[in-house]
N, C-alpha and C. Protein backbone atom coordinates (compact mmCIF):
# COMPACT_ATOMS: atom_id res chain seq x y z
N MET A 1 0.83 -1.18 0.00
CA MET A 1 0.00 0.00 0.00
C MET A 1 0.88 1.24 0.00
N GLU A 2 0.55 2.15 -0.85
CA GLU A 2 1.31 3.40 -0.98
C GLU A 2 0.78 4.44 0.00
N LEU A 3 1.67 5.09 0.71
CA LEU A 3 1.27 6.12 1.67
C LEU A 3 1.10 7.45 0.95
N LYS A 4 0.04 8.16 1.29
CA LYS A 4 -0.17 9.48 0.71
C LYS A 4 0.79 10.51 1.30
N PHE A 5 1.01 10.40 2.58
CA PHE A 5 1.87 11.36 3.27
C PHE A 5 3.06 10.61 3.86
N LYS A 6 4.21 11.00 3.47
CA LYS A 6 5.42 10.37 3.98
C LYS A 6 6.34 11.47 4.49
N PHE A 7 6.15 11.80 5.77
CA PHE A 7 6.89 12.90 6.34
C PHE A 7 8.35 12.54 6.62
N PHE A 8 8.57 11.32 7.04
CA PHE A 8 9.93 10.87 7.36
C PHE A 8 10.24 9.62 6.55
N ASP A 9 11.42 9.60 6.02
CA ASP A 9 11.88 8.42 5.28
C ASP A 9 12.54 7.47 6.28
N VAL A 10 11.75 6.53 6.81
CA VAL A 10 12.28 5.64 7.84
C VAL A 10 13.30 4.66 7.28
N GLU A 11 13.36 4.54 5.98
CA GLU A 11 14.37 3.67 5.37
C GLU A 11 15.76 4.31 5.45
N ASN A 12 15.82 5.62 5.53
CA ASN A 12 17.08 6.34 5.62
C ASN A 12 17.48 6.45 7.09
N VAL A 13 18.21 5.46 7.56
CA VAL A 13 18.57 5.37 8.97
C VAL A 13 19.36 6.59 9.42
N GLU A 14 20.27 7.05 8.58
CA GLU A 14 21.09 8.21 8.97
C GLU A 14 20.21 9.46 9.17
N LYS A 15 19.26 9.63 8.31
CA LYS A 15 18.36 10.78 8.43
C LYS A 15 17.50 10.64 9.70
N MET A 16 17.04 9.44 9.98
CA MET A 16 16.24 9.21 11.18
C MET A 16 17.06 9.51 12.44
N GLN A 17 18.30 9.10 12.44
CA GLN A 17 19.15 9.37 13.59
C GLN A 17 19.34 10.87 13.77
N GLU A 18 19.50 11.55 12.65
CA GLU A 18 19.68 12.99 12.69
C GLU A 18 18.41 13.69 13.21
N ILE A 19 17.25 13.27 12.72
CA ILE A 19 15.97 13.89 13.13
C ILE A 19 15.68 13.59 14.60
N LEU A 20 15.87 12.36 15.00
CA LEU A 20 15.49 11.94 16.35
C LEU A 20 16.59 12.14 17.39
N ASP A 21 17.82 12.37 16.92
CA ASP A 21 18.95 12.55 17.83
C ASP A 21 18.97 11.45 18.88
N MET A 22 19.03 10.22 18.38
CA MET A 22 19.00 9.06 19.27
C MET A 22 20.20 9.06 20.21
N SER A 23 19.91 8.78 21.47
CA SER A 23 20.97 8.70 22.47
C SER A 23 20.86 7.35 23.16
N PRO A 24 21.85 6.97 23.94
CA PRO A 24 21.79 5.69 24.67
C PRO A 24 20.59 5.59 25.61
N GLU A 25 20.01 6.71 25.98
CA GLU A 25 18.86 6.69 26.87
C GLU A 25 17.68 5.95 26.25
N TYR A 26 17.53 6.00 24.94
CA TYR A 26 16.42 5.31 24.29
C TYR A 26 16.53 3.80 24.48
N SER A 27 17.75 3.26 24.34
CA SER A 27 17.90 1.82 24.52
C SER A 27 17.68 1.43 25.98
N GLN A 28 18.13 2.28 26.89
CA GLN A 28 17.88 2.01 28.31
C GLN A 28 16.39 2.07 28.62
N GLU A 29 15.72 3.04 28.01
CA GLU A 29 14.28 3.17 28.20
C GLU A 29 13.57 1.95 27.62
N ALA A 30 14.01 1.48 26.48
CA ALA A 30 13.41 0.31 25.84
C ALA A 30 13.59 -0.93 26.70
N GLU A 31 14.71 -1.03 27.39
CA GLU A 31 14.96 -2.17 28.27
C GLU A 31 14.01 -2.18 29.48
N LYS A 32 13.65 -1.01 29.97
CA LYS A 32 12.77 -0.90 31.14
C LYS A 32 11.31 -1.11 30.78
N LEU A 33 10.95 -0.83 29.55
CA LEU A 33 9.55 -0.82 29.14
C LEU A 33 8.80 -2.12 29.39
N PRO A 34 9.38 -3.30 29.11
CA PRO A 34 8.63 -4.54 29.40
C PRO A 34 8.22 -4.67 30.86
N ASN A 35 9.11 -4.26 31.77
CA ASN A 35 8.75 -4.30 33.19
C ASN A 35 7.63 -3.32 33.50
N TYR A 36 7.71 -2.12 32.95
CA TYR A 36 6.65 -1.14 33.15
C TYR A 36 5.32 -1.67 32.64
N LEU A 37 5.34 -2.26 31.45
CA LEU A 37 4.11 -2.82 30.88
C LEU A 37 3.55 -3.93 31.75
N HIS A 38 4.43 -4.78 32.25
CA HIS A 38 4.00 -5.87 33.13
C HIS A 38 3.31 -5.32 34.38
N TRP A 39 3.96 -4.35 35.02
CA TRP A 39 3.41 -3.82 36.27
C TRP A 39 2.12 -3.04 36.04
N VAL A 40 2.06 -2.27 34.98
CA VAL A 40 0.83 -1.51 34.74
C VAL A 40 -0.30 -2.44 34.31
N ARG A 41 0.04 -3.55 33.65
CA ARG A 41 -0.99 -4.53 33.28
C ARG A 41 -1.56 -5.19 34.54
N LEU A 42 -0.71 -5.50 35.49
CA LEU A 42 -1.19 -6.03 36.76
C LEU A 42 -2.06 -5.01 37.49
N GLN A 43 -1.62 -3.76 37.46
CA GLN A 43 -2.37 -2.70 38.10
C GLN A 43 -3.73 -2.52 37.41
N LEU A 44 -3.77 -2.66 36.11
CA LEU A 44 -5.03 -2.55 35.38
C LEU A 44 -5.99 -3.68 35.76
N GLY A 45 -5.46 -4.89 35.89
CA GLY A 45 -6.29 -6.01 36.33
C GLY A 45 -6.86 -5.77 37.71
N GLU A 46 -6.03 -5.22 38.56
CA GLU A 46 -6.47 -4.90 39.91
C GLU A 46 -7.54 -3.80 39.88
N ALA A 47 -7.35 -2.80 39.06
CA ALA A 47 -8.32 -1.71 38.96
C ALA A 47 -9.66 -2.22 38.43
N ARG A 48 -9.61 -3.11 37.46
CA ARG A 48 -10.85 -3.68 36.92
C ARG A 48 -11.57 -4.53 37.97
N ALA A 49 -10.81 -5.27 38.76
CA ALA A 49 -11.42 -6.07 39.83
C ALA A 49 -12.04 -5.16 40.88
N TYR A 50 -11.38 -4.05 41.17
CA TYR A 50 -11.91 -3.09 42.14
C TYR A 50 -13.23 -2.49 41.66
N VAL A 51 -13.31 -2.19 40.37
CA VAL A 51 -14.56 -1.68 39.81
C VAL A 51 -15.67 -2.73 39.95
N ALA A 52 -15.35 -3.96 39.63
CA ALA A 52 -16.34 -5.04 39.72
C ALA A 52 -16.82 -5.23 41.16
N LYS A 53 -15.89 -5.22 42.11
CA LYS A 53 -16.26 -5.38 43.52
C LYS A 53 -17.09 -4.21 44.02
N THR A 54 -16.71 -3.01 43.59
CA THR A 54 -17.46 -1.83 44.01
C THR A 54 -18.86 -1.84 43.41
N ASP A 55 -18.98 -2.31 42.19
CA ASP A 55 -20.29 -2.42 41.55
C ASP A 55 -21.18 -3.39 42.32
N VAL A 56 -20.61 -4.50 42.77
CA VAL A 56 -21.36 -5.46 43.58
C VAL A 56 -21.81 -4.80 44.88
N MET A 57 -20.94 -4.02 45.48
CA MET A 57 -21.28 -3.33 46.72
C MET A 57 -22.44 -2.35 46.51
N VAL A 58 -22.40 -1.61 45.39
CA VAL A 58 -23.48 -0.67 45.09
C VAL A 58 -24.81 -1.41 44.94
N LYS A 59 -24.78 -2.53 44.24
CA LYS A 59 -26.00 -3.32 44.04
C LYS A 59 -26.51 -3.88 45.37
N LYS A 60 -25.60 -4.26 46.23
CA LYS A 60 -25.99 -4.78 47.55
C LYS A 60 -26.66 -3.68 48.38
N VAL A 61 -26.04 -2.52 48.41
CA VAL A 61 -26.61 -1.38 49.16
C VAL A 61 -27.98 -1.04 48.59
N GLU A 62 -28.08 -1.03 47.27
CA GLU A 62 -29.35 -0.72 46.61
C GLU A 62 -30.43 -1.73 46.99
N ALA A 63 -30.08 -3.01 47.00
CA ALA A 63 -31.05 -4.05 47.34
C ALA A 63 -31.47 -3.95 48.81
N GLU A 64 -30.53 -3.70 49.69
CA GLU A 64 -30.86 -3.56 51.11
C GLU A 64 -31.77 -2.36 51.35
N LEU A 65 -31.47 -1.26 50.69
CA LEU A 65 -32.31 -0.07 50.84
C LEU A 65 -33.70 -0.31 50.26
N TYR A 66 -33.76 -1.00 49.16
CA TYR A 66 -35.05 -1.32 48.54
C TYR A 66 -35.93 -2.11 49.52
N GLN A 67 -35.34 -3.14 50.10
CA GLN A 67 -36.09 -3.96 51.05
C GLN A 67 -36.52 -3.15 52.28
N ARG A 68 -35.61 -2.32 52.79
CA ARG A 68 -35.90 -1.53 53.97
C ARG A 68 -37.01 -0.52 53.71
N TYR A 69 -36.89 0.23 52.61
CA TYR A 69 -37.91 1.25 52.32
C TYR A 69 -39.26 0.62 51.96
N ARG A 70 -39.22 -0.50 51.28
CA ARG A 70 -40.47 -1.19 50.92
C ARG A 70 -41.18 -1.69 52.19
N ALA A 71 -40.42 -2.31 53.07
CA ALA A 71 -41.00 -2.83 54.32
C ALA A 71 -41.55 -1.69 55.18
N ALA A 72 -40.81 -0.59 55.25
CA ALA A 72 -41.26 0.56 56.06
C ALA A 72 -42.55 1.14 55.50
N ALA A 73 -42.64 1.26 54.20
CA ALA A 73 -43.85 1.81 53.58
C ALA A 73 -45.03 0.87 53.76
N GLU A 74 -44.81 -0.40 53.60
CA GLU A 74 -45.90 -1.38 53.77
C GLU A 74 -46.37 -1.44 55.21
N GLN A 75 -45.44 -1.28 56.13
CA GLN A 75 -45.78 -1.36 57.54
C GLN A 75 -46.75 -0.25 57.95
N ILE A 76 -46.64 0.91 57.36
CA ILE A 76 -47.55 2.02 57.70
C ILE A 76 -48.73 2.10 56.75
N GLY A 77 -48.82 1.11 55.84
CA GLY A 77 -49.95 1.04 54.93
C GLY A 77 -49.85 1.98 53.74
N GLN A 78 -48.69 2.47 53.47
CA GLN A 78 -48.49 3.37 52.34
C GLN A 78 -48.40 2.58 51.04
N LYS A 79 -49.00 3.11 49.98
CA LYS A 79 -48.91 2.46 48.67
C LYS A 79 -47.47 2.57 48.18
N VAL A 80 -46.93 1.44 47.77
CA VAL A 80 -45.53 1.39 47.35
C VAL A 80 -45.46 1.37 45.83
N THR A 81 -44.70 2.33 45.28
CA THR A 81 -44.46 2.33 43.83
C THR A 81 -42.95 2.21 43.59
N GLU A 82 -42.60 1.70 42.43
CA GLU A 82 -41.19 1.56 42.08
C GLU A 82 -40.51 2.93 42.00
N LYS A 83 -41.21 3.91 41.47
CA LYS A 83 -40.63 5.26 41.36
C LYS A 83 -40.35 5.86 42.74
N MET A 84 -41.27 5.62 43.68
CA MET A 84 -41.08 6.13 45.04
C MET A 84 -39.85 5.46 45.67
N LEU A 85 -39.76 4.15 45.53
CA LEU A 85 -38.62 3.43 46.10
C LEU A 85 -37.31 3.87 45.45
N GLU A 86 -37.34 4.02 44.15
CA GLU A 86 -36.13 4.46 43.42
C GLU A 86 -35.68 5.83 43.91
N ALA A 87 -36.63 6.75 44.08
CA ALA A 87 -36.29 8.10 44.56
C ALA A 87 -35.69 8.05 45.96
N LYS A 88 -36.26 7.24 46.83
CA LYS A 88 -35.74 7.13 48.20
C LYS A 88 -34.32 6.54 48.19
N ILE A 89 -34.13 5.51 47.38
CA ILE A 89 -32.82 4.87 47.30
C ILE A 89 -31.78 5.84 46.76
N ARG A 90 -32.10 6.52 45.67
CA ARG A 90 -31.14 7.41 45.00
C ARG A 90 -30.73 8.60 45.87
N THR A 91 -31.54 8.95 46.86
CA THR A 91 -31.21 10.07 47.73
C THR A 91 -30.66 9.63 49.08
N ASP A 92 -30.56 8.34 49.30
CA ASP A 92 -30.03 7.82 50.55
C ASP A 92 -28.51 8.03 50.61
N GLU A 93 -28.02 8.49 51.75
CA GLU A 93 -26.57 8.77 51.90
C GLU A 93 -25.70 7.54 51.65
N ASN A 94 -26.14 6.38 52.11
CA ASN A 94 -25.35 5.16 51.90
C ASN A 94 -25.24 4.83 50.42
N TYR A 95 -26.33 5.00 49.69
CA TYR A 95 -26.31 4.75 48.25
C TYR A 95 -25.41 5.76 47.54
N ILE A 96 -25.54 7.01 47.92
CA ILE A 96 -24.72 8.06 47.29
C ILE A 96 -23.24 7.79 47.53
N LYS A 97 -22.87 7.43 48.76
CA LYS A 97 -21.47 7.12 49.08
C LYS A 97 -20.97 5.94 48.24
N ALA A 98 -21.77 4.89 48.15
CA ALA A 98 -21.38 3.72 47.37
C ALA A 98 -21.23 4.06 45.89
N LYS A 99 -22.16 4.85 45.37
CA LYS A 99 -22.13 5.24 43.97
C LYS A 99 -20.92 6.12 43.67
N LEU A 100 -20.59 7.04 44.58
CA LEU A 100 -19.40 7.88 44.40
C LEU A 100 -18.12 7.05 44.43
N GLN A 101 -18.11 6.02 45.27
CA GLN A 101 -16.95 5.13 45.31
C GLN A 101 -16.81 4.38 43.98
N LEU A 102 -17.92 3.99 43.40
CA LEU A 102 -17.89 3.32 42.09
C LEU A 102 -17.38 4.28 41.01
N ILE A 103 -17.81 5.52 41.06
CA ILE A 103 -17.34 6.52 40.09
C ILE A 103 -15.83 6.71 40.22
N GLN A 104 -15.34 6.78 41.46
CA GLN A 104 -13.90 6.92 41.67
C GLN A 104 -13.14 5.69 41.18
N ALA A 105 -13.70 4.52 41.40
CA ALA A 105 -13.06 3.29 40.94
C ALA A 105 -12.97 3.27 39.41
N ARG A 106 -14.04 3.68 38.76
CA ARG A 106 -14.03 3.72 37.29
C ARG A 106 -13.05 4.76 36.76
N GLU A 107 -12.98 5.89 37.44
CA GLU A 107 -12.03 6.94 37.04
C GLU A 107 -10.60 6.42 37.14
N TYR A 108 -10.31 5.74 38.24
CA TYR A 108 -8.98 5.17 38.44
C TYR A 108 -8.68 4.13 37.35
N GLU A 109 -9.65 3.27 37.07
CA GLU A 109 -9.48 2.26 36.02
C GLU A 109 -9.17 2.92 34.68
N GLU A 110 -9.88 3.98 34.36
CA GLU A 110 -9.64 4.68 33.09
C GLU A 110 -8.25 5.29 33.02
N LYS A 111 -7.78 5.81 34.14
CA LYS A 111 -6.43 6.38 34.17
C LYS A 111 -5.37 5.30 33.97
N VAL A 112 -5.55 4.17 34.63
CA VAL A 112 -4.59 3.07 34.48
C VAL A 112 -4.64 2.54 33.05
N GLU A 113 -5.83 2.42 32.49
CA GLU A 113 -5.99 1.97 31.11
C GLU A 113 -5.29 2.94 30.15
N ALA A 114 -5.43 4.24 30.39
CA ALA A 114 -4.77 5.24 29.55
C ALA A 114 -3.24 5.11 29.66
N LEU A 115 -2.75 4.89 30.86
CA LEU A 115 -1.31 4.69 31.05
C LEU A 115 -0.84 3.45 30.31
N TYR A 116 -1.59 2.37 30.43
CA TYR A 116 -1.23 1.13 29.74
C TYR A 116 -1.19 1.33 28.23
N GLN A 117 -2.20 1.98 27.70
CA GLN A 117 -2.25 2.23 26.25
C GLN A 117 -1.09 3.13 25.81
N ALA A 118 -0.77 4.13 26.63
CA ALA A 118 0.35 5.02 26.30
C ALA A 118 1.67 4.26 26.30
N LEU A 119 1.84 3.35 27.26
CA LEU A 119 3.07 2.55 27.30
C LEU A 119 3.15 1.59 26.12
N LEU A 120 2.01 1.04 25.72
CA LEU A 120 2.01 0.18 24.53
C LEU A 120 2.41 0.97 23.29
N THR A 121 1.88 2.16 23.17
CA THR A 121 2.24 3.03 22.05
C THR A 121 3.72 3.37 22.09
N LYS A 122 4.19 3.69 23.27
CA LYS A 122 5.61 4.02 23.43
C LYS A 122 6.48 2.82 23.07
N ALA A 123 6.06 1.64 23.47
CA ALA A 123 6.82 0.43 23.14
C ALA A 123 6.88 0.22 21.63
N GLN A 124 5.76 0.44 20.97
CA GLN A 124 5.72 0.30 19.51
C GLN A 124 6.63 1.31 18.85
N ILE A 125 6.59 2.53 19.34
CA ILE A 125 7.44 3.58 18.77
C ILE A 125 8.91 3.26 18.99
N LEU A 126 9.26 2.89 20.22
CA LEU A 126 10.65 2.55 20.52
C LEU A 126 11.11 1.34 19.72
N SER A 127 10.24 0.35 19.57
CA SER A 127 10.58 -0.83 18.78
C SER A 127 10.87 -0.44 17.34
N SER A 128 10.03 0.39 16.79
CA SER A 128 10.24 0.84 15.41
C SER A 128 11.52 1.64 15.28
N LEU A 129 11.77 2.49 16.26
CA LEU A 129 13.00 3.29 16.23
C LEU A 129 14.25 2.41 16.35
N MET A 130 14.18 1.44 17.23
CA MET A 130 15.33 0.55 17.41
C MET A 130 15.58 -0.27 16.14
N LYS A 131 14.51 -0.74 15.50
CA LYS A 131 14.67 -1.48 14.25
C LYS A 131 15.26 -0.60 13.17
N ALA A 132 14.81 0.65 13.12
CA ALA A 132 15.34 1.58 12.12
C ALA A 132 16.81 1.87 12.35
N MET A 133 17.19 1.92 13.62
CA MET A 133 18.58 2.23 13.94
C MET A 133 19.50 1.02 13.81
N TYR A 134 19.05 -0.11 14.29
CA TYR A 134 19.94 -1.26 14.41
C TYR A 134 19.56 -2.42 13.51
N GLY A 135 18.46 -2.31 12.80
CA GLY A 135 18.00 -3.41 11.95
C GLY A 135 17.20 -4.41 12.76
N ASN A 136 16.79 -5.49 12.12
CA ASN A 136 15.96 -6.51 12.79
C ASN A 136 16.80 -7.19 13.80
């Protein structure tokens, strides 16, 4: 496939070295990258598990509040509607705290995912640069 835009001639190793001003730090960085990827991948797995556990906690709090508010309303003879129960649950402090914790867990997961993707991109770039400089 022919490229429409070819800003850098990656086949010209000397030109690439000149443009990128490659230093020994790149090879040292490339050596560290697999470890970084390993650790951030473990951290991502942990973040995903934390989101799942927090989601279970939110559902548990929601179910407990549903039962409590339903029983309380029935005990005083009040007509119980799903909308009424939902409104009570959504404004309950315990539910709000659990939901905020889930939001924080998801935010953390997204940050770790972004870091992981950035490191993968960096690894691909460094790999391409190393191949251009030193060959296969």
